[in-house]
C-alpha cells in the first residue's frame, strides 16, 4: 500500500510539471472540431430575416423617445411589421393620421368606442420612427377596408405628390381621389419624399374572427375584429366587403412593384380549413404566405426541451407547408413569412416569465439560424416593444416599454446575427447539436464567420478550421449569461453595455497554424470573425 501511495504522489507531481506554469490542474475536456465549408453556400441571407414588430399602441410619445430610438437603431433589426398585430384589423389609418374619431365609424382610430386618437401612433409617426432608426416596414392592411382605401394607403406611403392618377370611388360611395392627394397629406405632415414600403399583408389572423363580428361559424374564442372567418370569403369578398384579390389588385394599381401577402396558417386544416381554402383560391396570386408559428402556449419547464425545439420546429413546419403547397397550390413554391413568433403566443400564460430570460435569447438565436437554413422568406419576432402582462409580468419585448426601454436578453441575438454576413455556408461540427449549435457565414471574400450557441452550463472548447485556406487572425463577440433563467447578460465581458455595441472592442482569439482555438462560455452566443490572408 505504501508503494502505491508513493507512486501516486510521483504521478501527481509529474502531471503538475506538464501543466503550464501557474495554471491549475483541470480535468481533461473534449476539444471539438468545427469546419467551415468555404465553397458550399446554403443560401444568401435576406435582411427580411432580421425583423420584429412595432405596434401603434406604444403611442407617439414613445416613438419619439430618444433612448427607444437609439437602442432600436443599434439592435441589428432591419424590418418592422406595422401597425400592430390584431390592432391592424381596426386601425383606421386615415382617421389616425388626421387625429379624427367618430363613434360608429367602421374604421376608427380607436377600439370598441374607446377614443385613442389623441395618443395612438399615426402613419406619420411610423415614418418618422423608421427613418430615425434606419429600418424598413412591412404593413398589415386592415382587412375590413375597401380596396380603394387600401390603395390610398399605398399612395400615402409610396406615392408622389405630382401623381394625378385617380384611385376611384369605393363600394360604399366614397371617392378616394388621386394618388397625389394622399402623397400631399404625407408631405403636409412633414415627409415630402415617399417612404417606400415594398411588403404588405391584408389582415391579421383573420381566421380567428370574433363570432359577434363575423358569424356563428367562427370559433367561440375568436379574437380578431374581422368581417369573415372563412378562407374563401377572405379571398373573394362578399356582397358587402372586398376580398384579398380585389384589394391586392387595387393596391398594385397604385404601385405595381409592391408584394402582397395573404393570411395563412401553419396547419391548413384548422379553423374550417382556412389554409386549404386560401391556397386553393389565391395560391397563384399571393406574393407570400403569412404564418404566426409560436411554438408554445405555456412553455415547458425543461430548458433542454425548449432549446431543442427550433431545430425540429422550423424544419418540420417548412416540410408541412411545402406539402400543402403541392396539394392545394399546384406545387408552387410560395415564400413563407413567419411574421410573428416568440417562445409563447400569449404572455399571460408565461407564468415563469421565460421570455425575459437568457434561455429565450438562445431560443431566438437558434430560431433565426434554423429559419435561414430552411429558406423562410421573412422572420419577424414579436415584439420590439410591447408592454408586460399584468397577470404574469412576462413580456414579449426586446426593449421593455414599461422599464425605460431596458434591453432584455433576447435583444442581443439580433446584433450578433446582423454581423454574421450575407450568406450562410455549410459547416460541420464534432460537437453534438444539443451542446453547440454551429452556423457558418461569409462577410467578405476574405472574412468568414462562425456563430456558435452554447446551450449547456459548461465551457466547450473547439478548434475551428476552413475547408480551404488558412485563418490569419480572428476575433470574437460574445453574449453570455450566468444561467438560462438569468434576466441580464454581458457583452464581451461588460455588464454595463453601451447602446452602440460597435464601440465595444471584440475579444481576442488564438490562431495557431492557420486554425483558431476558442472556448465557448456556458449559456452564450459567440460570433467569431475569421480573417484569411
Protein backbone atom coordinates (compact mmCIF):
# COMPACT_ATOMS: atom_id res chain seq x y z
CA UNK A 1 0.00 0.00 0.00
CA UNK A 2 2.84 2.41 0.89
CA UNK A 3 4.47 1.78 -2.51
CA UNK A 4 1.19 2.58 -4.26
CA UNK A 5 0.84 5.85 -2.33
CA UNK A 6 4.39 6.90 -3.27
CA UNK A 7 3.77 6.04 -6.91
CA UNK A 8 0.54 8.07 -6.89
CA UNK A 9 2.35 11.06 -5.37
CA UNK A 10 5.03 10.90 -8.06
CA UNK A 11 2.39 10.80 -10.79
CA UNK A 12 0.67 13.89 -9.38
CA UNK A 13 3.98 15.78 -9.21
CA UNK A 14 4.90 14.73 -12.75
CA UNK A 15 1.46 15.75 -14.04
CA UNK A 16 1.75 19.18 -12.47
CA UNK A 17 5.09 19.73 -14.16
CA UNK A 18 3.47 19.07 -17.54
CA UNK A 19 0.83 21.74 -16.93
CA UNK A 20 1.62 25.35 -18.00
CA UNK A 21 3.39 27.35 -15.33
CA UNK A 22 0.88 28.81 -12.90
CA UNK A 23 -2.12 27.00 -14.49
CA UNK A 24 -4.38 24.92 -12.26
CA UNK A 25 -4.60 21.22 -12.92
CA UNK A 26 -8.02 20.55 -14.51
CA UNK A 27 -9.91 17.52 -15.67
CA UNK A 28 -9.43 16.65 -19.32
CA UNK A 29 -12.12 18.17 -21.58
CA UNK A 30 -13.03 17.35 -25.18
CA UNK A 31 -11.85 19.65 -27.92
CA UNK A 32 -14.38 19.64 -30.75
CA UNK A 33 -13.63 20.46 -34.37
CA UNK A 34 -15.68 22.93 -36.41
CA UNK A 35 -15.08 23.08 -40.15
CA UNK A 36 -16.33 25.90 -42.38
CA UNK A 37 -17.01 24.70 -45.93
CA UNK A 38 -15.94 27.89 -47.66
CA UNK A 39 -17.07 26.78 -51.13
CA UNK A 40 -20.53 25.45 -50.16
CA UNK A 41 -23.17 28.15 -49.84
CA UNK A 42 -26.52 27.12 -48.37
CA UNK A 43 -28.25 30.38 -49.29
CA UNK A 44 -27.88 34.15 -49.33
CA UNK A 45 -29.30 35.91 -46.29
CA UNK A 46 -32.05 38.46 -46.77
CA UNK A 47 -32.40 41.45 -44.42
CA UNK A 48 -36.03 40.28 -44.08
CA UNK A 49 -34.78 37.55 -41.74
CA UNK A 50 -33.91 40.12 -39.06
CA UNK A 51 -37.31 41.58 -38.29
CA UNK A 52 -39.61 42.44 -35.42
CA UNK A 53 -42.99 44.14 -34.92
CA UNK A 54 -43.85 47.69 -33.83
CA UNK A 55 -47.40 48.29 -32.52
CA UNK A 56 -49.34 51.54 -32.72
CA UNK A 57 -50.39 51.27 -29.07
CA UNK A 58 -46.92 52.36 -27.95
CA UNK A 59 -48.02 55.82 -28.99
CA UNK A 60 -46.38 58.86 -30.50
CA UNK A 61 -44.51 59.86 -27.32
CA UNK A 62 -42.69 56.53 -27.10
CA UNK A 63 -41.88 56.64 -30.81
CA UNK A 64 -40.16 59.97 -30.23
CA UNK A 65 -38.22 58.86 -27.13
CA UNK A 66 -34.50 59.16 -27.87
CA UNK A 67 -33.47 56.17 -25.73
CA UNK A 68 -36.00 54.00 -27.55
CA UNK A 69 -34.82 55.21 -30.93
CA UNK A 70 -31.15 54.80 -30.12
CA UNK A 71 -31.45 51.24 -28.81
CA UNK A 72 -33.66 50.26 -31.72
CA UNK A 73 -31.18 51.76 -34.19
CA UNK A 74 -28.31 49.69 -32.77
CA UNK A 75 -30.31 46.45 -32.47
CA UNK A 76 -29.38 44.99 -35.84
CA UNK A 77 -33.06 44.71 -36.83
CA UNK A 78 -33.76 45.58 -40.48
CA UNK A 79 -37.56 45.42 -40.80
CA UNK A 80 -40.51 46.25 -38.54
CA UNK A 81 -44.02 44.97 -39.19
CA UNK A 82 -46.65 47.65 -38.50
CA UNK A 83 -49.14 48.86 -37.25
CA UNK A 84 -49.53 46.06 -34.72
CA UNK A 85 -50.98 42.55 -34.78
CA UNK A 86 -54.71 42.40 -34.04
CA UNK A 87 -54.91 46.18 -33.92
CA UNK A 88 -54.29 46.13 -37.66
CA UNK A 89 -57.86 44.94 -38.19
CA UNK A 90 -59.44 48.04 -36.67
CA UNK A 91 -56.67 50.58 -37.21
CA UNK A 92 -58.13 53.32 -39.38
CA UNK A 93 -55.03 54.77 -40.99
CA UNK A 94 -56.73 57.93 -42.22
CA UNK A 95 -58.63 58.74 -39.02
CA UNK A 96 -55.43 58.12 -37.07
CA UNK A 97 -53.39 60.28 -39.42
CA UNK A 98 -55.88 63.15 -39.20
CA UNK A 99 -56.46 62.65 -35.45
CA UNK A 100 -60.18 62.28 -36.03
CA UNK A 101 -62.53 59.87 -34.31
CA UNK A 102 -66.23 59.19 -34.56
CA UNK A 103 -68.16 56.56 -32.63
CA UNK A 104 -69.65 54.15 -35.12
CA UNK A 105 -67.02 54.79 -37.77
CA UNK A 106 -66.25 51.47 -39.44
CA UNK A 107 -62.51 52.02 -39.16
CA UNK A 108 -61.85 54.34 -36.22
CA UNK A 109 -58.64 55.40 -34.60
CA UNK A 110 -59.96 53.58 -31.55
CA UNK A 111 -61.39 50.32 -30.30
CA UNK A 112 -64.96 49.42 -29.25
CA UNK A 113 -65.95 53.07 -28.86
CA UNK A 114 -62.79 53.98 -26.96
CA UNK A 115 -61.23 57.14 -28.39
CA UNK A 116 -57.45 56.73 -28.54
CA UNK A 117 -56.90 59.13 -31.39
CA UNK A 118 -55.09 61.67 -29.23
CA UNK A 119 -52.08 59.45 -28.49
CA UNK A 120 -52.06 56.42 -30.79
CA UNK A 121 -49.20 56.34 -33.31
CA UNK A 122 -50.16 57.75 -36.71
CA UNK A 123 -48.75 56.56 -40.04
CA UNK A 124 -46.60 59.72 -39.95
CA UNK A 125 -45.22 58.67 -36.55
CA UNK A 126 -44.26 55.31 -38.02
CA UNK A 127 -42.46 57.04 -40.89
CA UNK A 128 -40.59 59.34 -38.54
CA UNK A 129 -39.54 56.50 -36.26
CA UNK A 130 -38.48 54.19 -39.08
CA UNK A 131 -36.41 56.91 -40.71
CA UNK A 132 -34.77 57.76 -37.38
CA UNK A 133 -33.74 54.13 -36.74
CA UNK A 134 -32.89 53.32 -40.38
CA UNK A 135 -35.36 50.46 -40.77
CA UNK A 136 -37.91 49.43 -43.37
CA UNK A 137 -41.55 48.42 -42.89
CA UNK A 138 -43.96 45.61 -43.59
CA UNK A 139 -47.54 46.92 -43.42
CA UNK A 140 -50.63 44.94 -42.36
CA UNK A 141 -53.69 46.40 -44.09
CA UNK A 142 -56.99 46.46 -42.20
CA UNK A 143 -58.96 43.55 -43.71
CA UNK A 144 -62.24 45.44 -43.23
CA UNK A 145 -61.43 48.35 -45.56
CA UNK A 146 -62.43 48.81 -49.18
CA UNK A 147 -59.96 48.15 -51.96
CA UNK A 148 -59.78 51.88 -52.70
CA UNK A 149 -58.98 52.79 -49.08
CA UNK A 150 -56.13 50.25 -49.12
CA UNK A 151 -54.92 51.73 -52.42
CA UNK A 152 -54.98 55.24 -50.90
CA UNK A 153 -52.80 53.93 -48.07
CA UNK A 154 -50.22 52.73 -50.58
CA UNK A 155 -50.38 56.17 -52.18
CA UNK A 156 -49.81 57.82 -48.79
CA UNK A 157 -46.54 55.95 -48.24
CA UNK A 158 -45.25 55.31 -51.76
CA UNK A 159 -46.86 57.95 -53.93
CA UNK A 160 -45.62 61.17 -55.47
CA UNK A 161 -47.42 64.46 -54.93
CA UNK A 162 -47.40 65.01 -58.70
CA UNK A 163 -49.19 61.72 -59.46
CA UNK A 164 -52.68 62.62 -60.71
CA UNK A 165 -53.96 59.06 -61.30
CA UNK A 166 -57.45 58.59 -59.80
CA UNK A 167 -57.98 55.85 -57.24
CA UNK A 168 -61.74 55.75 -57.67
CA UNK A 169 -64.99 55.50 -55.76
CA UNK A 170 -65.35 52.52 -53.43
CA UNK A 171 -68.33 50.23 -52.88
CA UNK A 172 -69.52 52.49 -50.05
CA UNK A 173 -69.66 55.56 -52.29
CA UNK A 174 -66.52 57.29 -51.01
CA UNK A 175 -64.27 58.98 -53.56
CA UNK A 176 -60.62 58.22 -52.78
CA UNK A 177 -59.36 60.98 -55.05
CA UNK A 178 -55.87 60.66 -56.58
CA UNK A 179 -52.51 59.17 -55.67
CA UNK A 180 -51.04 62.65 -55.37
CA UNK A 181 -53.78 63.76 -52.96
CA UNK A 182 -52.63 61.23 -50.34
CA UNK A 183 -48.97 61.83 -51.05
CA UNK A 184 -49.65 65.52 -50.37
CA UNK A 185 -51.17 64.62 -46.98
CA UNK A 186 -47.93 62.83 -46.14
CA UNK A 187 -45.94 65.86 -47.29
CA UNK A 188 -48.14 68.25 -45.30
CA UNK A 189 -47.32 66.22 -42.18
CA UNK A 190 -43.57 66.54 -42.64
CA UNK A 191 -42.49 63.89 -45.15
CA UNK A 192 -42.36 65.31 -48.68
CA UNK A 193 -40.45 62.30 -50.01
CA UNK A 194 -42.14 58.89 -50.26
CA UNK A 195 -41.40 56.29 -47.58
CA UNK A 196 -41.41 53.27 -49.83
CA UNK A 197 -42.98 50.12 -48.39
CA UNK A 198 -42.49 47.06 -50.55
CA UNK A 199 -44.16 44.37 -48.42
CA UNK A 200 -47.84 44.38 -47.46
CA UNK A 201 -50.27 41.93 -45.86
CA UNK A 202 -54.06 42.00 -45.97
CA UNK A 203 -55.38 41.31 -42.50
CA UNK A 204 -54.01 39.76 -39.33
CA UNK A 205 -55.06 36.23 -38.26
CA UNK A 206 -58.42 36.68 -39.97
CA UNK A 207 -59.29 33.01 -39.38
CA UNK A 208 -59.73 33.97 -35.71
CA UNK A 209 -62.54 36.48 -36.30
CA UNK A 210 -64.95 37.11 -33.43
CA UNK A 211 -68.33 35.35 -33.81
CA UNK A 212 -70.02 38.55 -32.74
CA UNK A 213 -68.46 40.26 -35.74
CA UNK A 214 -68.26 37.56 -38.39
CA UNK A 215 -70.92 34.97 -37.54
CA UNK A 216 -71.62 31.86 -35.51
CA UNK A 217 -69.50 29.64 -37.77
CA UNK A 218 -66.40 31.28 -36.31
CA UNK A 219 -64.65 29.74 -33.28
CA UNK A 220 -66.21 30.80 -29.96
CA UNK A 221 -62.88 32.10 -28.71
CA UNK A 222 -62.32 34.33 -31.74
CA UNK A 223 -60.27 37.45 -31.10
CA UNK A 224 -59.98 39.36 -34.38
CA UNK A 225 -62.14 42.30 -35.49
CA UNK A 226 -62.62 40.88 -38.97
CA UNK A 227 -65.74 40.63 -41.12
CA UNK A 228 -65.21 36.94 -42.01
CA UNK A 229 -63.51 33.81 -40.72
CA UNK A 230 -63.98 31.88 -43.97
CA UNK A 231 -60.95 31.48 -46.23
CA UNK A 232 -62.98 31.54 -49.44
CA UNK A 233 -64.73 34.77 -48.46
CA UNK A 234 -61.41 36.29 -47.36
CA UNK A 235 -60.05 35.76 -50.86
CA UNK A 236 -63.11 36.70 -52.92
CA UNK A 237 -65.12 39.03 -50.67
CA UNK A 238 -68.90 39.10 -50.48
CA UNK A 239 -71.71 41.47 -51.38
CA UNK A 240 -70.64 43.93 -48.69
CA UNK A 241 -66.85 43.53 -48.50
CA UNK A 242 -63.86 43.44 -50.80
CA UNK A 243 -61.66 40.37 -50.61
CA UNK A 244 -57.93 39.74 -50.85
CA UNK A 245 -57.79 39.61 -54.65
CA UNK A 246 -59.71 42.85 -55.19
CA UNK A 247 -57.75 44.72 -52.51
CA UNK A 248 -54.42 43.40 -53.81
CA UNK A 249 -55.22 44.45 -57.38
CA UNK A 250 -56.20 47.98 -56.30
CA UNK A 251 -53.01 48.36 -54.28
CA UNK A 252 -50.84 47.14 -57.14
CA UNK A 253 -52.59 49.56 -59.50
CA UNK A 254 -51.08 52.37 -57.41
CA UNK A 255 -47.64 50.73 -57.20
CA UNK A 256 -47.04 47.57 -59.29
CA UNK A 257 -43.69 46.96 -57.55
CA UNK A 258 -45.18 46.06 -54.17
CA UNK A 259 -45.58 42.48 -52.89
CA UNK A 260 -48.76 41.49 -51.08
CA UNK A 261 -49.01 38.53 -48.69
CA UNK A 262 -52.11 36.56 -47.73
CA UNK A 263 -53.08 35.38 -44.25
CA UNK A 264 -52.16 31.72 -43.89
CA UNK A 265 -51.96 29.23 -41.05
CA UNK A 266 -49.46 26.52 -40.14
CA UNK A 267 -51.97 23.63 -40.12
CA UNK A 268 -54.07 24.20 -43.23
CA UNK A 269 -56.90 22.01 -41.88
CA UNK A 270 -57.57 24.17 -38.82
CA UNK A 271 -60.21 26.91 -38.49
CA UNK A 272 -62.62 25.41 -41.01
CA UNK A 273 -59.79 24.53 -43.41
CA UNK A 274 -58.69 28.14 -43.66
CA UNK A 275 -55.30 27.38 -45.19
CA UNK A 276 -56.63 24.98 -47.81
CA UNK A 277 -59.21 27.49 -48.98
CA UNK A 278 -56.75 30.38 -49.15
CA UNK A 279 -54.19 28.30 -51.04
CA UNK A 280 -56.76 26.94 -53.49
CA UNK A 281 -58.28 30.32 -54.23
CA UNK A 282 -55.21 32.60 -54.06
CA UNK A 283 -52.18 30.31 -54.24
CA UNK A 284 -51.25 31.56 -57.70
CA UNK A 285 -51.81 35.23 -56.82
CA UNK A 286 -50.35 35.79 -53.36
CA UNK A 287 -46.77 37.02 -53.22
CA UNK A 288 -46.13 35.26 -49.91
CA UNK A 289 -47.94 33.17 -47.29
CA UNK A 290 -48.08 34.63 -43.77
CA UNK A 291 -47.99 32.48 -40.64
CA UNK A 292 -47.59 33.11 -36.89
CA UNK A 293 -45.89 29.94 -35.63
CA UNK A 294 -45.49 30.44 -31.87
CA UNK A 295 -44.40 27.02 -30.55
CA UNK A 296 -45.93 27.17 -27.07
CA UNK A 297 -48.84 28.42 -25.03
CA UNK A 298 -47.39 27.80 -21.62
CA UNK A 299 -43.78 26.70 -22.21
CA UNK A 300 -42.47 23.52 -20.59
CA UNK A 301 -40.29 23.68 -17.51
CA UNK A 302 -37.44 21.88 -19.27
CA UNK A 303 -34.98 24.22 -20.94
CA UNK A 304 -33.47 21.18 -22.65
CA UNK A 305 -36.76 20.61 -24.46
CA UNK A 306 -37.20 24.30 -25.28
CA UNK A 307 -33.69 24.71 -26.70
CA UNK A 308 -34.07 21.59 -28.82
CA UNK A 309 -37.37 22.85 -30.26
CA UNK A 310 -36.13 25.22 -33.02
CA UNK A 311 -34.13 22.55 -34.87
CA UNK A 312 -37.29 20.47 -35.22
CA UNK A 313 -39.99 23.16 -35.27
CA UNK A 314 -38.83 25.24 -38.23
CA UNK A 315 -37.70 22.27 -40.32
CA UNK A 316 -40.92 20.28 -39.88
CA UNK A 317 -43.14 23.31 -40.44
CA UNK A 318 -41.36 24.04 -43.71
CA UNK A 319 -41.89 20.46 -44.86
CA UNK A 320 -45.56 20.53 -43.88
CA UNK A 321 -46.21 23.74 -45.81
CA UNK A 322 -44.27 22.53 -48.84
CA UNK A 323 -46.64 19.55 -48.96
CA UNK A 324 -49.66 21.85 -48.59
CA UNK A 325 -48.41 23.98 -51.48
CA UNK A 326 -48.03 20.82 -53.54
CA UNK A 327 -51.54 19.65 -52.69
CA UNK A 328 -53.50 22.90 -52.84
CA UNK A 329 -51.45 25.48 -54.78
CA UNK A 330 -50.42 23.43 -57.81
CA UNK A 331 -46.97 22.85 -56.36
CA UNK A 332 -45.99 26.50 -56.36
CA UNK A 333 -43.09 27.24 -54.02
CA UNK A 334 -44.75 30.14 -52.20
CA UNK A 335 -42.45 32.24 -50.00
CA UNK A 336 -43.23 31.73 -46.29
CA UNK A 337 -43.32 34.72 -43.95
CA UNK A 338 -43.19 33.86 -40.24
CA UNK A 339 -44.18 37.38 -39.31
CA UNK A 340 -44.97 36.83 -35.65
CA UNK A 341 -43.18 34.45 -33.34
CA UNK A 342 -41.72 34.23 -29.87
CA UNK A 343 -41.43 31.48 -27.31
CA UNK A 344 -45.07 31.90 -26.17
CA UNK A 345 -48.12 33.06 -28.12
CA UNK A 346 -49.84 34.66 -25.10
CA UNK A 347 -47.72 36.27 -22.41
CA UNK A 348 -50.45 35.76 -19.80
CA UNK A 349 -49.55 32.05 -19.97
CA UNK A 350 -45.83 32.58 -19.40
CA UNK A 351 -46.05 32.13 -15.64
CA UNK A 352 -42.31 31.60 -15.21
CA UNK A 353 -41.52 34.69 -17.30
CA UNK A 354 -39.26 32.63 -19.54
CA UNK A 355 -39.48 35.11 -22.42
CA UNK A 356 -37.48 37.58 -20.30
CA UNK A 357 -34.58 35.17 -19.75
CA UNK A 358 -31.29 34.20 -21.34
CA UNK A 359 -32.87 30.89 -22.30
CA UNK A 360 -35.20 32.74 -24.66
CA UNK A 361 -32.19 34.58 -26.11
CA UNK A 362 -30.67 31.23 -27.08
CA UNK A 363 -34.06 30.01 -28.38
CA UNK A 364 -34.39 33.12 -30.55
CA UNK A 365 -30.84 32.91 -31.89
CA UNK A 366 -31.35 29.27 -32.81
CA UNK A 367 -34.71 30.04 -34.42
CA UNK A 368 -33.19 32.71 -36.67
CA UNK A 369 -30.46 30.31 -37.73
CA UNK A 370 -32.89 27.50 -38.49
CA UNK A 371 -35.27 29.80 -40.38
CA UNK A 372 -32.40 30.99 -42.58
CA UNK A 373 -31.17 27.45 -43.12
CA UNK A 374 -34.61 26.19 -44.16
CA UNK A 375 -35.34 29.03 -46.54
CA UNK A 376 -38.03 31.12 -44.90
CA UNK A 377 -38.78 34.39 -46.70
CA UNK A 378 -39.43 36.68 -43.71
CA UNK A 379 -38.93 36.30 -39.98
CA UNK A 380 -40.35 38.81 -37.51
CA UNK A 381 -40.05 38.40 -33.75
CA UNK A 382 -42.97 39.67 -31.67
CA UNK A 383 -42.35 42.41 -30.40
CA UNK A 384 -39.75 45.20 -30.44
CA UNK A 385 -41.59 46.80 -27.53
CA UNK A 386 -44.98 45.83 -26.23
CA UNK A 387 -45.73 46.15 -22.53
CA UNK A 388 -45.80 43.34 -19.96
CA UNK A 389 -48.63 41.10 -18.85
CA UNK A 390 -50.35 42.31 -15.71
CA UNK A 391 -51.16 38.69 -14.85
CA UNK A 392 -47.67 37.19 -15.10
CA UNK A 393 -45.19 40.03 -15.55
CA UNK A 394 -43.91 38.33 -18.70
CA UNK A 395 -43.03 40.38 -21.77
CA UNK A 396 -42.50 39.83 -25.48
CA UNK A 397 -40.34 42.96 -25.50
CA UNK A 398 -36.83 43.30 -26.85
CA UNK A 399 -36.94 46.78 -25.30
CA UNK A 400 -39.08 46.92 -22.17
CA UNK A 401 -41.79 49.51 -22.80
CA UNK A 402 -42.55 49.73 -19.08
CA UNK A 403 -38.94 49.91 -17.84
CA UNK A 404 -37.09 52.71 -19.64
CA UNK A 405 -36.51 50.51 -22.73
CA UNK A 406 -34.15 48.19 -20.89
CA UNK A 407 -32.80 45.55 -23.25
CA UNK A 408 -33.95 42.02 -22.45
CA UNK A 409 -31.56 39.13 -23.18
CA UNK A 410 -33.34 38.21 -26.42
CA UNK A 411 -32.45 41.64 -27.83
CA UNK A 412 -28.80 40.59 -28.10
CA UNK A 413 -29.46 37.78 -30.56
CA UNK A 414 -30.09 40.39 -33.26
CA UNK A 415 -26.83 42.38 -33.24
CA UNK A 416 -24.80 39.17 -33.44
CA UNK A 417 -26.84 37.80 -36.35
CA UNK A 418 -26.59 41.24 -38.01
CA UNK A 419 -22.79 40.78 -38.03
CA UNK A 420 -22.99 37.27 -39.46
CA UNK A 421 -22.63 38.12 -43.14
CA UNK A 422 -24.51 37.98 -46.42
CA UNK A 423 -24.57 34.21 -46.94
CA UNK A 424 -24.81 31.04 -44.88
CA UNK A 425 -22.26 28.32 -45.60
CA UNK A 426 -22.21 24.62 -44.90
CA UNK A 427 -20.33 23.64 -41.78
CA UNK A 428 -19.65 20.55 -39.73
CA UNK A 429 -19.01 20.07 -36.05
CA UNK A 430 -17.98 17.10 -33.95
CA UNK A 431 -19.90 18.63 -31.03
CA UNK A 432 -23.45 17.31 -30.62
CA UNK A 433 -26.13 19.86 -31.51
CA UNK A 434 -27.69 19.71 -28.04
CA UNK A 435 -24.42 21.23 -26.77
CA UNK A 436 -23.28 23.55 -29.53
CA UNK A 437 -25.30 24.82 -32.47
CA UNK A 438 -22.98 26.00 -35.23
CA UNK A 439 -23.67 28.30 -38.20
CA UNK A 440 -21.02 29.44 -40.67
CA UNK A 441 -21.18 32.51 -42.87
CA UNK A 442 -19.31 34.78 -45.25
CA UNK A 443 -18.95 38.53 -44.70
CA UNK A 444 -16.42 39.30 -47.44
CA UNK A 445 -14.17 37.37 -49.77
CA UNK A 446 -11.56 37.29 -47.03
CA UNK A 447 -13.66 37.14 -43.88
CA UNK A 448 -15.77 34.24 -42.67
CA UNK A 449 -17.89 33.95 -39.55
CA UNK A 450 -18.96 31.21 -37.18
CA UNK A 451 -21.93 31.77 -34.86
CA UNK A 452 -21.99 29.26 -32.02
CA UNK A 453 -24.74 28.82 -29.42
CA UNK A 454 -23.58 27.01 -26.28
CA UNK A 455 -26.77 25.70 -24.68
CA UNK A 456 -25.00 23.99 -21.78
CA UNK A 457 -23.69 25.05 -18.39
CA UNK A 458 -20.12 24.05 -19.26
CA UNK A 459 -17.44 25.80 -21.36
CA UNK A 460 -16.91 23.98 -24.66
CA UNK A 461 -13.57 24.16 -26.45
CA UNK A 462 -13.29 23.86 -30.21
CA UNK A 463 -10.72 24.01 -32.98
CA UNK A 464 -12.07 26.00 -35.93
CA UNK A 465 -10.73 25.38 -39.43
CA UNK A 466 -11.54 26.30 -43.02
CA UNK A 467 -12.08 23.58 -45.63
CA UNK A 468 -9.73 25.51 -47.89
CA UNK A 469 -7.14 28.10 -46.91
CA UNK A 470 -5.95 29.21 -43.53
CA UNK A 471 -7.04 31.63 -40.83
CA UNK A 472 -4.65 34.54 -40.29
CA UNK A 473 -6.38 36.39 -37.43
CA UNK A 474 -9.66 36.07 -35.55
CA UNK A 475 -11.82 37.89 -33.02
CA UNK A 476 -14.98 37.18 -31.05
CA UNK A 477 -18.13 38.97 -29.87
CA UNK A 478 -19.81 37.12 -27.02
CA UNK A 479 -23.13 37.47 -25.21
CA UNK A 480 -23.36 35.23 -22.17
CA UNK A 481 -25.39 34.66 -19.02
CA UNK A 482 -24.80 33.02 -15.69
CA UNK A 483 -27.84 30.75 -16.12
CA UNK A 484 -30.70 30.10 -18.52
CA UNK A 485 -33.06 31.86 -16.10
CA UNK A 486 -30.86 34.97 -15.87
CA UNK A 487 -32.55 38.22 -16.88
CA UNK A 488 -29.27 40.04 -17.60
CA UNK A 489 -26.31 39.25 -19.82
CA UNK A 490 -22.81 40.53 -20.51
CA UNK A 491 -21.40 41.57 -23.87
CA UNK A 492 -17.68 40.97 -24.36
CA UNK A 493 -17.47 40.70 -20.55
CA UNK A 494 -19.08 44.11 -19.95
CA UNK A 495 -22.02 44.31 -17.57
CA UNK A 496 -22.64 47.99 -18.28
CA UNK A 497 -23.27 47.59 -22.01
CA UNK A 498 -23.34 50.78 -24.13
CA UNK A 499 -26.21 51.32 -26.55
CA UNK A 500 -23.87 51.13 -29.53
CA UNK A 501 -22.24 47.70 -29.35
CA UNK A 502 -19.84 48.71 -32.13
CA UNK A 503 -17.94 50.78 -29.55
CA UNK A 504 -17.10 47.65 -27.53
CA UNK A 505 -13.78 46.01 -28.55
CA UNK A 506 -14.02 42.43 -29.72
CA UNK A 507 -12.28 39.69 -27.75
CA UNK A 508 -9.03 38.10 -28.94
CA UNK A 509 -9.00 34.59 -30.41
CA UNK A 510 -5.91 32.37 -30.53
CA UNK A 511 -4.81 31.31 -34.03
CA UNK A 512 -2.09 28.67 -34.49
CA UNK A 513 -1.01 27.14 -37.80
CA UNK A 514 -3.97 28.58 -39.66
CA UNK A 515 -6.59 27.35 -37.21
CA UNK A 516 -8.46 29.16 -34.45
CA UNK A 517 -8.98 27.76 -30.99
CA UNK A 518 -11.76 29.05 -28.78
CA UNK A 519 -13.63 28.09 -25.62
CA UNK A 520 -17.32 28.93 -25.84
CA UNK A 521 -18.65 30.06 -22.46
CA UNK A 522 -21.72 28.47 -20.87
CA UNK A 523 -25.10 29.83 -21.94
CA UNK A 524 -23.67 32.02 -24.66
CA UNK A 525 -23.88 33.17 -28.25
CA UNK A 526 -20.48 33.74 -29.84
CA UNK A 527 -19.80 35.35 -33.22
CA UNK A 528 -16.29 34.56 -34.47
CA UNK A 529 -14.75 36.58 -37.29
CA UNK A 530 -12.15 34.59 -39.20
CA UNK A 531 -9.82 36.63 -41.41
CA UNK A 532 -7.84 35.00 -44.21
CA UNK A 533 -4.55 36.34 -45.62
